[in-house]
Amino acid sequence: MAGLRERKKAQTRQRIAAVAWRLFAERGFEAVTVNEIAEAAEVAKATLFAYFPTKESLALQGVGDDDLAGIVTRRPAGQSPLEALRAHCRALAAGPMTGLDPEVLVSRIRVIFDSPALSTAANALLYQQRQQLAEALKAEAVAAGEEGGERGAGGRGEMVAVLMAAQISASLVTLQETFFRRLADGTSLDDARQQLAEDVELAFSLLADGLETYPAHTAHTA
C-alpha cells in the first residue's frame, strides 16, 4: 500500500512538472501563473505547493543538485578533492544520458536563459552549492592543521578552501553553461558531449596546474 502511494505521488509530481514545462515553453516563465499550472495539471494549488514550494523550484529541478561537498568528503583515501571532482565530471560527460530528450532539454534551457528571475534563482542555488563545497574543504583544512600541530594556520587554510571552492565552482558552472548553450544553438547531443569531455580536461588541467601553464599570448608584428 505504501508503495502504491509513493508511485502515485511520483506520478503526480511528474505530471505537474510536465504541465508546467509545457506552459513555460509556450509562453515564457513570467507569463504563467501557479493557478494556471495547477488547473492544467488538475490538482489543487495546495497540492502543487506540497510538491514544489515555489514556481521557481518547478523550473529549476536539477540545478545545483550535484553534491560537490559530498563528492569531496566521500572520496577514496589517497585521492585529492580536485581528482575526485574531475573523476565525477568525466563520468557525467561519458556516461549514458538515458531518458533524455534533447528537444525537451533545449526547451528548458531556453526558458531559463530567457528569464531574469530564473537566472537569478539558478545563481542562488549554485552559490549554495559553492558554499557547501567551501565548508567541506575548510573542515579538511582545519583538521589537517590540527593533526600537524598547526592550530594557528587554520585561518590561512580556511581562506585557501574558500578560494578553491570559488575557482572550482566557477569552472563547473562555465562547463555546464557552455554545454547547454551549444545545445540551444543547435549542436547535436553527441557532439556537445564530446566537446564537454574535452572542456572538462582543459578546465581541470588549469585548476590543477595553474593559469601560468597556459601559453602566453604572442604579439604579432607586421
N, C-alpha and C. Protein backbone atom coordinates (compact mmCIF):
# COMPACT_ATOMS: atom_id res chain seq x y z
N MET A 1 0.82 -1.20 0.00
CA MET A 1 0.00 0.00 0.00
C MET A 1 0.86 1.26 0.00
N ALA A 2 1.91 1.22 0.84
CA ALA A 2 2.81 2.36 0.90
C ALA A 2 3.50 2.57 -0.44
N GLY A 3 3.85 1.45 -1.11
CA GLY A 3 4.50 1.54 -2.41
C GLY A 3 3.59 2.17 -3.44
N LEU A 4 2.30 1.84 -3.38
CA LEU A 4 1.32 2.40 -4.32
C LEU A 4 1.19 3.91 -4.10
N ARG A 5 1.14 4.32 -2.84
CA ARG A 5 1.05 5.75 -2.53
C ARG A 5 2.26 6.51 -3.07
N GLU A 6 3.43 5.91 -2.91
CA GLU A 6 4.65 6.58 -3.38
C GLU A 6 4.65 6.70 -4.91
N ARG A 7 4.16 5.65 -5.59
CA ARG A 7 4.09 5.70 -7.05
C ARG A 7 3.12 6.79 -7.51
N LYS A 8 2.00 6.88 -6.82
CA LYS A 8 1.01 7.91 -7.17
C LYS A 8 1.57 9.31 -6.93
N LYS A 9 2.31 9.47 -5.85
CA LYS A 9 2.93 10.76 -5.58
C LYS A 9 3.94 11.11 -6.66
N ALA A 10 4.73 10.13 -7.06
CA ALA A 10 5.73 10.35 -8.11
C ALA A 10 5.05 10.72 -9.42
N GLN A 11 3.94 10.04 -9.73
CA GLN A 11 3.21 10.34 -10.97
C GLN A 11 2.61 11.74 -10.94
N THR A 12 2.09 12.13 -9.78
CA THR A 12 1.52 13.47 -9.64
C THR A 12 2.60 14.53 -9.80
N ARG A 13 3.73 14.29 -9.18
CA ARG A 13 4.84 15.23 -9.28
C ARG A 13 5.30 15.37 -10.73
N GLN A 14 5.42 14.24 -11.42
CA GLN A 14 5.86 14.27 -12.81
C GLN A 14 4.84 14.97 -13.70
N ARG A 15 3.55 14.75 -13.42
CA ARG A 15 2.51 15.40 -14.22
C ARG A 15 2.54 16.91 -14.04
N ILE A 16 2.68 17.36 -12.80
CA ILE A 16 2.74 18.80 -12.53
C ILE A 16 3.94 19.42 -13.24
N ALA A 17 5.10 18.76 -13.13
CA ALA A 17 6.31 19.29 -13.75
C ALA A 17 6.18 19.33 -15.27
N ALA A 18 5.61 18.27 -15.85
CA ALA A 18 5.47 18.22 -17.31
C ALA A 18 4.54 19.32 -17.81
N VAL A 19 3.43 19.52 -17.10
CA VAL A 19 2.47 20.57 -17.49
C VAL A 19 3.13 21.95 -17.36
N ALA A 20 3.83 22.15 -16.25
CA ALA A 20 4.48 23.44 -16.04
C ALA A 20 5.47 23.75 -17.14
N TRP A 21 6.27 22.76 -17.51
CA TRP A 21 7.28 22.99 -18.54
C TRP A 21 6.65 23.23 -19.91
N ARG A 22 5.54 22.59 -20.18
CA ARG A 22 4.85 22.85 -21.44
C ARG A 22 4.37 24.30 -21.51
N LEU A 23 3.80 24.76 -20.41
CA LEU A 23 3.31 26.14 -20.37
C LEU A 23 4.46 27.14 -20.42
N PHE A 24 5.54 26.85 -19.70
CA PHE A 24 6.71 27.75 -19.73
C PHE A 24 7.27 27.86 -21.15
N ALA A 25 7.35 26.71 -21.83
CA ALA A 25 7.91 26.70 -23.18
C ALA A 25 7.02 27.46 -24.16
N GLU A 26 5.72 27.38 -23.95
CA GLU A 26 4.78 28.04 -24.85
C GLU A 26 4.74 29.55 -24.63
N ARG A 27 4.80 29.98 -23.37
CA ARG A 27 4.52 31.38 -23.08
C ARG A 27 5.61 32.11 -22.30
N GLY A 28 6.61 31.38 -21.84
CA GLY A 28 7.64 32.01 -21.02
C GLY A 28 7.32 31.87 -19.54
N PHE A 29 8.35 31.85 -18.72
CA PHE A 29 8.19 31.60 -17.29
C PHE A 29 7.32 32.66 -16.61
N GLU A 30 7.62 33.93 -16.87
CA GLU A 30 6.93 35.01 -16.17
C GLU A 30 5.44 35.07 -16.51
N ALA A 31 5.06 34.64 -17.70
CA ALA A 31 3.67 34.78 -18.15
C ALA A 31 2.75 33.72 -17.58
N VAL A 32 3.30 32.69 -16.99
CA VAL A 32 2.50 31.57 -16.48
C VAL A 32 2.32 31.70 -14.97
N THR A 33 1.09 31.55 -14.49
CA THR A 33 0.82 31.64 -13.05
C THR A 33 0.73 30.24 -12.44
N VAL A 34 0.91 30.19 -11.13
CA VAL A 34 0.79 28.92 -10.41
C VAL A 34 -0.63 28.38 -10.53
N ASN A 35 -1.61 29.27 -10.49
CA ASN A 35 -3.00 28.83 -10.64
C ASN A 35 -3.23 28.13 -11.97
N GLU A 36 -2.65 28.67 -13.04
CA GLU A 36 -2.80 28.07 -14.36
C GLU A 36 -2.15 26.69 -14.41
N ILE A 37 -0.99 26.55 -13.78
CA ILE A 37 -0.32 25.25 -13.75
C ILE A 37 -1.16 24.23 -13.00
N ALA A 38 -1.67 24.63 -11.83
CA ALA A 38 -2.48 23.72 -11.03
C ALA A 38 -3.73 23.30 -11.79
N GLU A 39 -4.39 24.25 -12.45
CA GLU A 39 -5.60 23.93 -13.19
C GLU A 39 -5.31 22.98 -14.35
N ALA A 40 -4.24 23.26 -15.09
CA ALA A 40 -3.89 22.41 -16.23
C ALA A 40 -3.47 21.02 -15.79
N ALA A 41 -2.84 20.92 -14.62
CA ALA A 41 -2.40 19.62 -14.09
C ALA A 41 -3.51 18.90 -13.33
N GLU A 42 -4.65 19.58 -13.16
CA GLU A 42 -5.81 19.02 -12.47
C GLU A 42 -5.49 18.66 -11.02
N VAL A 43 -4.83 19.60 -10.35
CA VAL A 43 -4.56 19.44 -8.92
C VAL A 43 -4.90 20.75 -8.22
N ALA A 44 -5.11 20.68 -6.91
CA ALA A 44 -5.34 21.90 -6.14
C ALA A 44 -4.04 22.67 -6.02
N LYS A 45 -4.17 23.99 -5.85
CA LYS A 45 -2.97 24.81 -5.68
C LYS A 45 -2.15 24.35 -4.48
N ALA A 46 -2.85 23.98 -3.39
CA ALA A 46 -2.16 23.49 -2.20
C ALA A 46 -1.37 22.21 -2.49
N THR A 47 -1.94 21.36 -3.34
CA THR A 47 -1.24 20.12 -3.72
C THR A 47 0.03 20.45 -4.49
N LEU A 48 -0.07 21.40 -5.42
CA LEU A 48 1.11 21.81 -6.19
C LEU A 48 2.22 22.27 -5.26
N PHE A 49 1.85 23.12 -4.29
CA PHE A 49 2.86 23.66 -3.37
C PHE A 49 3.42 22.58 -2.44
N ALA A 50 2.67 21.49 -2.25
CA ALA A 50 3.20 20.39 -1.44
C ALA A 50 4.36 19.70 -2.14
N TYR A 51 4.35 19.74 -3.46
CA TYR A 51 5.42 19.13 -4.25
C TYR A 51 6.50 20.14 -4.63
N PHE A 52 6.08 21.36 -4.92
CA PHE A 52 7.01 22.41 -5.35
C PHE A 52 6.69 23.68 -4.57
N PRO A 53 7.54 24.06 -3.63
CA PRO A 53 7.24 25.21 -2.76
C PRO A 53 7.15 26.55 -3.48
N THR A 54 7.80 26.68 -4.64
CA THR A 54 7.76 27.92 -5.40
C THR A 54 7.66 27.61 -6.88
N LYS A 55 7.25 28.61 -7.66
CA LYS A 55 7.21 28.41 -9.11
C LYS A 55 8.62 28.20 -9.65
N GLU A 56 9.60 28.89 -9.05
CA GLU A 56 10.99 28.73 -9.48
C GLU A 56 11.48 27.29 -9.29
N SER A 57 11.06 26.67 -8.19
CA SER A 57 11.51 25.29 -7.93
C SER A 57 10.97 24.32 -8.98
N LEU A 58 9.83 24.65 -9.57
CA LEU A 58 9.29 23.84 -10.66
C LEU A 58 10.21 23.87 -11.87
N ALA A 59 10.76 25.05 -12.14
CA ALA A 59 11.55 25.23 -13.35
C ALA A 59 13.02 24.87 -13.17
N LEU A 60 13.47 24.77 -11.94
CA LEU A 60 14.90 24.59 -11.70
C LEU A 60 15.25 23.23 -11.10
N GLN A 61 14.41 22.23 -11.38
CA GLN A 61 14.73 20.89 -10.89
C GLN A 61 16.07 20.43 -11.47
N GLY A 62 16.96 19.99 -10.60
CA GLY A 62 18.26 19.50 -11.04
C GLY A 62 19.36 20.54 -10.99
N VAL A 63 19.01 21.83 -10.98
CA VAL A 63 20.04 22.88 -10.93
C VAL A 63 20.67 22.88 -9.53
N GLY A 64 21.99 22.78 -9.49
CA GLY A 64 22.69 22.79 -8.21
C GLY A 64 22.55 21.50 -7.42
N ASP A 65 22.06 20.43 -8.07
CA ASP A 65 21.85 19.18 -7.35
C ASP A 65 23.12 18.37 -7.14
N ASP A 66 24.14 18.62 -7.94
CA ASP A 66 25.39 17.88 -7.77
C ASP A 66 25.94 18.12 -6.37
N ASP A 67 26.15 17.06 -5.62
CA ASP A 67 26.64 17.16 -4.25
C ASP A 67 28.17 17.24 -4.27
N LEU A 68 28.69 18.42 -4.62
CA LEU A 68 30.14 18.58 -4.72
C LEU A 68 30.81 18.36 -3.36
N ALA A 69 30.18 18.86 -2.31
CA ALA A 69 30.76 18.66 -0.97
C ALA A 69 30.81 17.18 -0.62
N GLY A 70 29.74 16.44 -0.96
CA GLY A 70 29.72 15.01 -0.68
C GLY A 70 30.75 14.25 -1.48
N ILE A 71 30.97 14.66 -2.73
CA ILE A 71 31.99 14.03 -3.57
C ILE A 71 33.36 14.17 -2.92
N VAL A 72 33.61 15.33 -2.33
CA VAL A 72 34.89 15.58 -1.67
C VAL A 72 35.02 14.78 -0.38
N THR A 73 33.97 14.81 0.46
CA THR A 73 34.08 14.16 1.76
C THR A 73 34.03 12.63 1.67
N ARG A 74 33.42 12.10 0.61
CA ARG A 74 33.30 10.64 0.48
C ARG A 74 34.32 10.04 -0.49
N ARG A 75 35.28 10.81 -0.91
CA ARG A 75 36.25 10.31 -1.89
C ARG A 75 37.14 9.23 -1.28
N PRO A 76 37.72 8.36 -2.11
CA PRO A 76 38.60 7.30 -1.60
C PRO A 76 39.87 7.87 -0.98
N ALA A 77 40.44 7.12 -0.09
CA ALA A 77 41.70 7.53 0.54
C ALA A 77 42.78 7.67 -0.53
N GLY A 78 43.60 8.69 -0.39
CA GLY A 78 44.69 8.91 -1.33
C GLY A 78 44.31 9.74 -2.53
N GLN A 79 43.03 10.10 -2.66
CA GLN A 79 42.58 10.91 -3.79
C GLN A 79 42.34 12.34 -3.31
N SER A 80 42.83 13.29 -4.08
CA SER A 80 42.65 14.69 -3.70
C SER A 80 41.24 15.15 -4.03
N PRO A 81 40.76 16.24 -3.40
CA PRO A 81 39.44 16.76 -3.74
C PRO A 81 39.30 17.07 -5.24
N LEU A 82 40.33 17.65 -5.83
CA LEU A 82 40.26 18.00 -7.24
C LEU A 82 40.19 16.76 -8.12
N GLU A 83 40.93 15.72 -7.75
CA GLU A 83 40.88 14.46 -8.51
C GLU A 83 39.49 13.82 -8.43
N ALA A 84 38.88 13.89 -7.25
CA ALA A 84 37.54 13.32 -7.08
C ALA A 84 36.52 14.06 -7.93
N LEU A 85 36.60 15.38 -7.95
CA LEU A 85 35.67 16.17 -8.74
C LEU A 85 35.90 15.98 -10.24
N ARG A 86 37.15 15.84 -10.61
CA ARG A 86 37.47 15.61 -12.03
C ARG A 86 36.89 14.27 -12.49
N ALA A 87 37.06 13.24 -11.66
CA ALA A 87 36.51 11.92 -12.00
C ALA A 87 35.00 11.98 -12.12
N HIS A 88 34.36 12.74 -11.25
CA HIS A 88 32.90 12.89 -11.30
C HIS A 88 32.46 13.54 -12.61
N CYS A 89 33.15 14.62 -12.99
CA CYS A 89 32.78 15.32 -14.22
C CYS A 89 33.08 14.48 -15.46
N ARG A 90 34.16 13.73 -15.43
CA ARG A 90 34.45 12.82 -16.55
C ARG A 90 33.32 11.80 -16.71
N ALA A 91 32.86 11.26 -15.58
CA ALA A 91 31.80 10.26 -15.63
C ALA A 91 30.51 10.85 -16.18
N LEU A 92 30.20 12.07 -15.80
CA LEU A 92 28.99 12.73 -16.30
C LEU A 92 29.06 12.93 -17.81
N ALA A 93 30.23 13.36 -18.29
CA ALA A 93 30.38 13.62 -19.72
C ALA A 93 30.34 12.34 -20.54
N ALA A 94 30.86 11.25 -19.97
CA ALA A 94 30.96 9.99 -20.71
C ALA A 94 29.80 9.05 -20.47
N GLY A 95 29.07 9.24 -19.37
CA GLY A 95 28.02 8.30 -19.00
C GLY A 95 26.80 8.38 -19.90
N PRO A 96 25.98 7.35 -19.88
CA PRO A 96 24.76 7.34 -20.71
C PRO A 96 23.73 8.33 -20.19
N MET A 97 23.14 9.10 -21.10
CA MET A 97 22.09 10.04 -20.72
C MET A 97 20.75 9.43 -21.10
N THR A 98 20.39 8.38 -20.39
CA THR A 98 19.17 7.65 -20.71
C THR A 98 17.94 8.47 -20.35
N GLY A 99 16.92 8.34 -21.19
CA GLY A 99 15.68 9.05 -20.91
C GLY A 99 15.75 10.53 -21.16
N LEU A 100 16.83 11.00 -21.77
CA LEU A 100 17.00 12.43 -22.00
C LEU A 100 16.54 12.79 -23.41
N ASP A 101 15.53 13.62 -23.50
CA ASP A 101 15.02 14.09 -24.79
C ASP A 101 15.71 15.42 -25.10
N PRO A 102 16.58 15.45 -26.11
CA PRO A 102 17.32 16.68 -26.42
C PRO A 102 16.41 17.89 -26.67
N GLU A 103 15.27 17.66 -27.33
CA GLU A 103 14.36 18.77 -27.62
C GLU A 103 13.77 19.36 -26.33
N VAL A 104 13.40 18.48 -25.41
CA VAL A 104 12.87 18.95 -24.13
C VAL A 104 13.95 19.69 -23.36
N LEU A 105 15.16 19.14 -23.37
CA LEU A 105 16.27 19.77 -22.67
C LEU A 105 16.55 21.17 -23.22
N VAL A 106 16.61 21.29 -24.54
CA VAL A 106 16.85 22.59 -25.16
C VAL A 106 15.73 23.57 -24.82
N SER A 107 14.50 23.10 -24.82
CA SER A 107 13.37 23.95 -24.47
C SER A 107 13.52 24.48 -23.05
N ARG A 108 13.92 23.63 -22.13
CA ARG A 108 14.10 24.06 -20.73
C ARG A 108 15.25 25.04 -20.60
N ILE A 109 16.32 24.78 -21.32
CA ILE A 109 17.47 25.68 -21.27
C ILE A 109 17.07 27.08 -21.72
N ARG A 110 16.32 27.15 -22.80
CA ARG A 110 15.91 28.45 -23.34
C ARG A 110 15.00 29.19 -22.38
N VAL A 111 14.11 28.45 -21.72
CA VAL A 111 13.23 29.08 -20.74
C VAL A 111 14.04 29.73 -19.62
N ILE A 112 15.04 29.01 -19.12
CA ILE A 112 15.88 29.53 -18.03
C ILE A 112 16.72 30.71 -18.51
N PHE A 113 17.36 30.57 -19.68
CA PHE A 113 18.19 31.65 -20.19
C PHE A 113 17.39 32.92 -20.47
N ASP A 114 16.12 32.75 -20.87
CA ASP A 114 15.30 33.90 -21.25
C ASP A 114 14.62 34.59 -20.07
N SER A 115 14.73 34.00 -18.89
CA SER A 115 14.06 34.55 -17.72
C SER A 115 15.05 35.11 -16.71
N PRO A 116 15.05 36.43 -16.50
CA PRO A 116 15.94 37.00 -15.47
C PRO A 116 15.66 36.43 -14.08
N ALA A 117 14.39 36.20 -13.77
CA ALA A 117 14.05 35.66 -12.45
C ALA A 117 14.63 34.26 -12.25
N LEU A 118 14.52 33.43 -13.29
CA LEU A 118 15.06 32.07 -13.19
C LEU A 118 16.58 32.07 -13.15
N SER A 119 17.18 32.94 -13.94
CA SER A 119 18.64 33.03 -13.95
C SER A 119 19.16 33.43 -12.57
N THR A 120 18.46 34.37 -11.93
CA THR A 120 18.85 34.80 -10.58
C THR A 120 18.67 33.67 -9.57
N ALA A 121 17.54 32.96 -9.67
CA ALA A 121 17.29 31.85 -8.76
C ALA A 121 18.29 30.72 -8.96
N ALA A 122 18.66 30.46 -10.22
CA ALA A 122 19.65 29.42 -10.51
C ALA A 122 21.00 29.80 -9.91
N ASN A 123 21.37 31.06 -10.04
CA ASN A 123 22.65 31.52 -9.47
C ASN A 123 22.66 31.37 -7.95
N ALA A 124 21.50 31.59 -7.31
CA ALA A 124 21.41 31.43 -5.86
C ALA A 124 21.63 29.97 -5.46
N LEU A 125 21.06 29.05 -6.22
CA LEU A 125 21.25 27.62 -5.95
C LEU A 125 22.71 27.23 -6.12
N LEU A 126 23.34 27.75 -7.16
CA LEU A 126 24.75 27.43 -7.41
C LEU A 126 25.65 28.04 -6.34
N TYR A 127 25.25 29.20 -5.81
CA TYR A 127 26.02 29.81 -4.72
C TYR A 127 25.96 28.92 -3.47
N GLN A 128 24.78 28.39 -3.17
CA GLN A 128 24.66 27.47 -2.04
C GLN A 128 25.56 26.25 -2.23
N GLN A 129 25.59 25.73 -3.45
CA GLN A 129 26.44 24.59 -3.76
C GLN A 129 27.90 24.93 -3.50
N ARG A 130 28.30 26.13 -3.92
CA ARG A 130 29.68 26.57 -3.71
C ARG A 130 30.01 26.72 -2.23
N GLN A 131 29.06 27.26 -1.46
CA GLN A 131 29.28 27.43 -0.02
C GLN A 131 29.44 26.09 0.67
N GLN A 132 28.66 25.11 0.27
CA GLN A 132 28.77 23.78 0.86
C GLN A 132 30.12 23.14 0.54
N LEU A 133 30.58 23.34 -0.69
CA LEU A 133 31.90 22.83 -1.07
C LEU A 133 32.99 23.51 -0.24
N ALA A 134 32.87 24.81 -0.07
CA ALA A 134 33.85 25.55 0.73
C ALA A 134 33.88 25.04 2.16
N GLU A 135 32.73 24.76 2.74
CA GLU A 135 32.67 24.25 4.11
C GLU A 135 33.36 22.90 4.22
N ALA A 136 33.16 22.04 3.21
CA ALA A 136 33.80 20.73 3.23
C ALA A 136 35.32 20.86 3.14
N LEU A 137 35.78 21.76 2.28
CA LEU A 137 37.23 21.97 2.13
C LEU A 137 37.82 22.64 3.38
N LYS A 138 37.06 23.56 3.96
CA LYS A 138 37.53 24.22 5.18
C LYS A 138 37.67 23.24 6.32
N ALA A 139 36.70 22.33 6.45
CA ALA A 139 36.76 21.33 7.52
C ALA A 139 38.01 20.48 7.38
N GLU A 140 38.37 20.12 6.16
CA GLU A 140 39.58 19.34 5.93
C GLU A 140 40.83 20.15 6.25
N ALA A 141 40.82 21.43 5.89
CA ALA A 141 41.99 22.28 6.15
C ALA A 141 42.22 22.44 7.65
N VAL A 142 41.15 22.63 8.41
CA VAL A 142 41.25 22.78 9.86
C VAL A 142 41.75 21.47 10.48
N ALA A 143 41.18 20.34 10.03
CA ALA A 143 41.59 19.04 10.56
C ALA A 143 43.05 18.76 10.26
N ALA A 144 43.49 19.10 9.05
CA ALA A 144 44.89 18.87 8.68
C ALA A 144 45.81 19.73 9.53
N GLY A 145 45.40 20.97 9.79
CA GLY A 145 46.22 21.85 10.62
C GLY A 145 46.34 21.36 12.03
N GLU A 146 45.25 20.84 12.57
CA GLU A 146 45.27 20.32 13.95
C GLU A 146 46.12 19.07 14.04
N GLU A 147 46.03 18.18 13.05
CA GLU A 147 46.81 16.95 13.07
C GLU A 147 48.30 17.26 12.97
N GLY A 148 48.61 18.34 12.25
CA GLY A 148 50.02 18.71 12.11
C GLY A 148 50.52 19.62 13.20
N GLY A 149 49.65 19.87 14.20
CA GLY A 149 50.06 20.75 15.29
C GLY A 149 50.12 22.20 14.88
N GLU A 150 49.35 22.59 13.86
CA GLU A 150 49.39 23.97 13.37
C GLU A 150 48.02 24.62 13.54
N ARG A 151 47.57 24.72 14.77
CA ARG A 151 46.26 25.29 15.02
C ARG A 151 46.19 26.74 14.55
N GLY A 152 47.28 27.42 14.62
CA GLY A 152 47.28 28.82 14.21
C GLY A 152 47.17 29.00 12.71
N ALA A 153 47.32 27.94 11.94
CA ALA A 153 47.28 28.05 10.48
C ALA A 153 45.88 27.87 9.93
N GLY A 154 44.89 27.68 10.85
CA GLY A 154 43.53 27.43 10.39
C GLY A 154 42.97 28.52 9.53
N GLY A 155 43.22 29.79 9.90
CA GLY A 155 42.67 30.90 9.12
C GLY A 155 43.17 30.88 7.70
N ARG A 156 44.47 30.64 7.53
CA ARG A 156 45.03 30.58 6.18
C ARG A 156 44.43 29.41 5.40
N GLY A 157 44.31 28.26 6.07
CA GLY A 157 43.74 27.10 5.41
C GLY A 157 42.30 27.33 5.00
N GLU A 158 41.56 28.04 5.83
CA GLU A 158 40.17 28.32 5.50
C GLU A 158 40.07 29.22 4.28
N MET A 159 40.96 30.20 4.18
CA MET A 159 40.93 31.09 3.02
C MET A 159 41.29 30.33 1.76
N VAL A 160 42.24 29.42 1.84
CA VAL A 160 42.59 28.58 0.70
C VAL A 160 41.36 27.78 0.26
N ALA A 161 40.64 27.25 1.24
CA ALA A 161 39.45 26.44 0.93
C ALA A 161 38.39 27.28 0.23
N VAL A 162 38.17 28.50 0.71
CA VAL A 162 37.17 29.38 0.09
C VAL A 162 37.56 29.70 -1.35
N LEU A 163 38.83 30.01 -1.57
CA LEU A 163 39.30 30.33 -2.93
C LEU A 163 39.22 29.11 -3.84
N MET A 164 39.58 27.94 -3.30
CA MET A 164 39.47 26.72 -4.10
C MET A 164 38.03 26.47 -4.53
N ALA A 165 37.11 26.60 -3.58
CA ALA A 165 35.69 26.37 -3.88
C ALA A 165 35.19 27.34 -4.93
N ALA A 166 35.61 28.60 -4.83
CA ALA A 166 35.18 29.61 -5.80
C ALA A 166 35.68 29.28 -7.20
N GLN A 167 36.96 28.89 -7.31
CA GLN A 167 37.53 28.58 -8.62
C GLN A 167 36.92 27.31 -9.22
N ILE A 168 36.76 26.30 -8.38
CA ILE A 168 36.18 25.04 -8.87
C ILE A 168 34.74 25.27 -9.32
N SER A 169 33.96 25.95 -8.49
CA SER A 169 32.55 26.18 -8.82
C SER A 169 32.40 27.01 -10.08
N ALA A 170 33.21 28.06 -10.22
CA ALA A 170 33.13 28.89 -11.42
C ALA A 170 33.45 28.07 -12.67
N SER A 171 34.42 27.19 -12.56
CA SER A 171 34.77 26.34 -13.70
C SER A 171 33.63 25.39 -14.06
N LEU A 172 33.01 24.79 -13.05
CA LEU A 172 31.93 23.84 -13.31
C LEU A 172 30.71 24.53 -13.89
N VAL A 173 30.39 25.72 -13.38
CA VAL A 173 29.26 26.47 -13.93
C VAL A 173 29.52 26.82 -15.39
N THR A 174 30.75 27.23 -15.70
CA THR A 174 31.10 27.56 -17.08
C THR A 174 30.99 26.35 -17.99
N LEU A 175 31.43 25.19 -17.51
CA LEU A 175 31.30 23.95 -18.29
C LEU A 175 29.83 23.66 -18.59
N GLN A 176 28.99 23.77 -17.57
CA GLN A 176 27.56 23.48 -17.75
C GLN A 176 26.91 24.48 -18.72
N GLU A 177 27.17 25.76 -18.49
CA GLU A 177 26.55 26.79 -19.34
C GLU A 177 26.99 26.63 -20.80
N THR A 178 28.26 26.34 -21.02
CA THR A 178 28.76 26.16 -22.38
C THR A 178 28.10 24.97 -23.05
N PHE A 179 27.97 23.88 -22.31
CA PHE A 179 27.32 22.67 -22.82
C PHE A 179 25.87 22.98 -23.21
N PHE A 180 25.15 23.65 -22.33
CA PHE A 180 23.74 23.95 -22.59
C PHE A 180 23.58 24.94 -23.74
N ARG A 181 24.44 25.93 -23.82
CA ARG A 181 24.34 26.91 -24.90
C ARG A 181 24.64 26.26 -26.26
N ARG A 182 25.54 25.32 -26.28
CA ARG A 182 25.80 24.60 -27.53
C ARG A 182 24.55 23.86 -27.99
N LEU A 183 23.89 23.21 -27.04
CA LEU A 183 22.65 22.50 -27.39
C LEU A 183 21.59 23.49 -27.88
N ALA A 184 21.46 24.61 -27.19
CA ALA A 184 20.47 25.62 -27.58
C ALA A 184 20.77 26.20 -28.95
N ASP A 185 22.05 26.23 -29.32
CA ASP A 185 22.46 26.78 -30.62
C ASP A 185 22.38 25.75 -31.75
N GLY A 186 21.96 24.52 -31.42
CA GLY A 186 21.74 23.53 -32.46
C GLY A 186 22.78 22.42 -32.54
N THR A 187 23.78 22.42 -31.67
CA THR A 187 24.77 21.34 -31.66
C THR A 187 24.09 20.03 -31.25
N SER A 188 24.43 18.94 -31.91
CA SER A 188 23.83 17.66 -31.55
C SER A 188 24.28 17.25 -30.14
N LEU A 189 23.48 16.40 -29.50
CA LEU A 189 23.81 15.96 -28.14
C LEU A 189 25.14 15.23 -28.12
N ASP A 190 25.40 14.36 -29.09
CA ASP A 190 26.66 13.62 -29.13
C ASP A 190 27.86 14.55 -29.27
N ASP A 191 27.75 15.53 -30.18
CA ASP A 191 28.85 16.47 -30.38
C ASP A 191 29.06 17.34 -29.14
N ALA A 192 27.96 17.77 -28.54
CA ALA A 192 28.06 18.61 -27.34
C ALA A 192 28.71 17.84 -26.20
N ARG A 193 28.41 16.54 -26.08
CA ARG A 193 29.02 15.73 -25.03
C ARG A 193 30.51 15.53 -25.29
N GLN A 194 30.89 15.34 -26.55
CA GLN A 194 32.30 15.18 -26.88
C GLN A 194 33.08 16.45 -26.53
N GLN A 195 32.50 17.59 -26.88
CA GLN A 195 33.15 18.86 -26.56
C GLN A 195 33.19 19.09 -25.05
N LEU A 196 32.15 18.65 -24.35
CA LEU A 196 32.14 18.76 -22.89
C LEU A 196 33.28 17.95 -22.28
N ALA A 197 33.48 16.74 -22.77
CA ALA A 197 34.56 15.89 -22.26
C ALA A 197 35.91 16.58 -22.43
N GLU A 198 36.11 17.20 -23.59
CA GLU A 198 37.37 17.93 -23.83
C GLU A 198 37.48 19.14 -22.91
N ASP A 199 36.36 19.84 -22.71
CA ASP A 199 36.37 21.01 -21.85
C ASP A 199 36.66 20.65 -20.39
N VAL A 200 36.16 19.49 -19.96
CA VAL A 200 36.41 19.03 -18.59
C VAL A 200 37.91 18.85 -18.37
N GLU A 201 38.58 18.23 -19.34
CA GLU A 201 40.03 18.02 -19.21
C GLU A 201 40.77 19.35 -19.15
N LEU A 202 40.38 20.28 -20.02
CA LEU A 202 41.02 21.60 -20.04
C LEU A 202 40.80 22.33 -18.72
N ALA A 203 39.56 22.32 -18.24
CA ALA A 203 39.24 23.06 -17.01
C ALA A 203 40.01 22.52 -15.82
N PHE A 204 40.05 21.20 -15.68
CA PHE A 204 40.72 20.64 -14.50
C PHE A 204 42.24 20.68 -14.64
N SER A 205 42.76 20.71 -15.86
CA SER A 205 44.20 20.91 -16.04
C SER A 205 44.59 22.31 -15.59
N LEU A 206 43.77 23.28 -15.93
CA LEU A 206 44.04 24.66 -15.49
C LEU A 206 43.93 24.77 -13.97
N LEU A 207 42.94 24.12 -13.39
CA LEU A 207 42.78 24.17 -11.94
C LEU A 207 43.96 23.48 -11.24
N ALA A 208 44.40 22.36 -11.80
CA ALA A 208 45.47 21.60 -11.15
C ALA A 208 46.84 22.22 -11.35
N ASP A 209 47.09 22.74 -12.54
CA ASP A 209 48.44 23.20 -12.88
C ASP A 209 48.62 24.70 -12.78
N GLY A 210 47.52 25.44 -12.74
CA GLY A 210 47.63 26.89 -12.63
C GLY A 210 47.55 27.57 -13.98
N LEU A 211 47.06 28.80 -13.96
CA LEU A 211 46.86 29.53 -15.21
C LEU A 211 48.17 29.87 -15.90
N GLU A 212 49.25 29.93 -15.14
CA GLU A 212 50.53 30.31 -15.74
C GLU A 212 51.03 29.26 -16.72
N THR A 213 50.48 28.04 -16.65
CA THR A 213 50.93 27.00 -17.58
C THR A 213 50.30 27.18 -18.95
N TYR A 214 49.26 28.00 -19.03
CA TYR A 214 48.59 28.21 -20.33
C TYR A 214 49.47 29.09 -21.19
N PRO A 215 49.67 28.74 -22.47
CA PRO A 215 50.57 29.52 -23.34
C PRO A 215 50.22 30.99 -23.35
N ALA A 216 51.24 31.82 -23.18
CA ALA A 216 51.01 33.27 -23.19
C ALA A 216 50.71 33.73 -24.61
N HIS A 217 49.97 34.83 -24.71
CA HIS A 217 49.65 35.40 -26.00
C HIS A 217 50.92 36.02 -26.61
N THR A 218 51.18 35.70 -27.83
CA THR A 218 52.35 36.25 -28.51
C THR A 218 51.89 37.32 -29.49
N ALA A 219 52.42 38.52 -29.32
CA ALA A 219 52.02 39.63 -30.18
C ALA A 219 52.58 39.41 -31.57
N HIS A 220 51.77 39.71 -32.56
CA HIS A 220 52.18 39.57 -33.95
C HIS A 220 52.64 40.91 -34.46
N THR A 221 53.77 40.94 -35.11
CA THR A 221 54.27 42.19 -35.67
C THR A 221 54.13 42.15 -37.18
N ALA A 222 53.89 43.32 -37.74
CA ALA A 222 53.71 43.41 -39.19
C ALA A 222 55.01 43.18 -39.90
